[in-house]
Amino acid sequence: MVNPFPGMNPYLEQPELWHQVHNRLIVAIADDLTPQIAPKYRV
């Protein structure tokens, strides 16, 4: 089945299945970026 929402995945938007995915992903990205851009920028 073709995704009817380009750029979005409705499966990941179901909070009962992925209730922490957005928060954890944001923290993981910040943890990965911090050593690469410090000390010039803050994450």
C-alpha atoms as a PDB file:
ATOM      1  CA  MET A   1       0.000   0.000   0.000  1.00  0.00           C
ATOM      2  CA  VAL A   2       1.287   3.432  -0.928  1.00  0.00           C
ATOM      3  CA  ASN A   3       1.594   5.872   1.968  1.00  0.00           C
ATOM      4  CA  PRO A   4      -1.184   8.494   1.523  1.00  0.00           C
ATOM      5  CA  PHE A   5       0.825  11.024   3.578  1.00  0.00           C
ATOM      6  CA  PRO A   6       4.205  11.732   1.947  1.00  0.00           C
ATOM      7  CA  GLY A   7       6.829  12.461   4.581  1.00  0.00           C
ATOM      8  CA  MET A   8       4.722  11.001   7.381  1.00  0.00           C
ATOM      9  CA  ASN A   9       4.226   7.516   8.715  1.00  0.00           C
ATOM     10  CA  PRO A  10       0.761   7.127  10.293  1.00  0.00           C
ATOM     11  CA  TYR A  11       1.983   3.992  12.089  1.00  0.00           C
ATOM     12  CA  LEU A  12       4.504   6.063  14.071  1.00  0.00           C
ATOM     13  CA  GLU A  13       1.830   8.613  14.923  1.00  0.00           C
ATOM     14  CA  GLN A  14      -0.260   6.132  16.924  1.00  0.00           C
ATOM     15  CA  PRO A  15       0.442   7.103  20.547  1.00  0.00           C
ATOM     16  CA  GLU A  16      -0.732   3.790  21.971  1.00  0.00           C
ATOM     17  CA  LEU A  17       2.024   2.014  20.015  1.00  0.00           C
ATOM     18  CA  TRP A  18       4.792   4.634  20.071  1.00  0.00           C
ATOM     19  CA  HIS A  19       4.057   6.780  23.125  1.00  0.00           C
ATOM     20  CA  GLN A  20       7.697   7.786  23.701  1.00  0.00           C
ATOM     21  CA  VAL A  21       9.213   7.631  20.207  1.00  0.00           C
ATOM     22  CA  HIS A  22       9.218  11.394  19.518  1.00  0.00           C
ATOM     23  CA  ASN A  23      10.660  12.408  22.881  1.00  0.00           C
ATOM     24  CA  ARG A  24      13.325   9.706  22.831  1.00  0.00           C
ATOM     25  CA  LEU A  25      14.268  10.445  19.225  1.00  0.00           C
ATOM     26  CA  ILE A  26      14.712  14.157  19.948  1.00  0.00           C
ATOM     27  CA  VAL A  27      16.957  13.399  22.937  1.00  0.00           C
ATOM     28  CA  ALA A  28      19.000  10.849  20.955  1.00  0.00           C
ATOM     29  CA  ILE A  29      19.542  13.337  18.116  1.00  0.00           C
ATOM     30  CA  ALA A  30      20.579  16.056  20.568  1.00  0.00           C
ATOM     31  CA  ASP A  31      22.999  13.664  22.304  1.00  0.00           C
ATOM     32  CA  ASP A  32      24.545  12.776  18.960  1.00  0.00           C
ATOM     33  CA  LEU A  33      24.836  16.376  17.728  1.00  0.00           C
ATOM     34  CA  THR A  34      26.211  17.970  20.892  1.00  0.00           C
ATOM     35  CA  PRO A  35      29.834  16.746  20.609  1.00  0.00           C
ATOM     36  CA  GLN A  36      29.907  17.643  16.911  1.00  0.00           C
ATOM     37  CA  ILE A  37      28.871  21.284  17.288  1.00  0.00           C
ATOM     38  CA  ALA A  38      30.087  22.270  20.757  1.00  0.00           C
ATOM     39  CA  PRO A  39      31.335  24.720  21.956  1.00  0.00           C
ATOM     40  CA  LYS A  40      30.195  27.048  19.179  1.00  0.00           C
ATOM     41  CA  TYR A  41      26.521  26.061  19.569  1.00  0.00           C
ATOM     42  CA  ARG A  42      24.288  24.624  22.283  1.00  0.00           C
ATOM     43  CA  VAL A  43      21.779  21.849  21.755  1.00  0.00           C
END
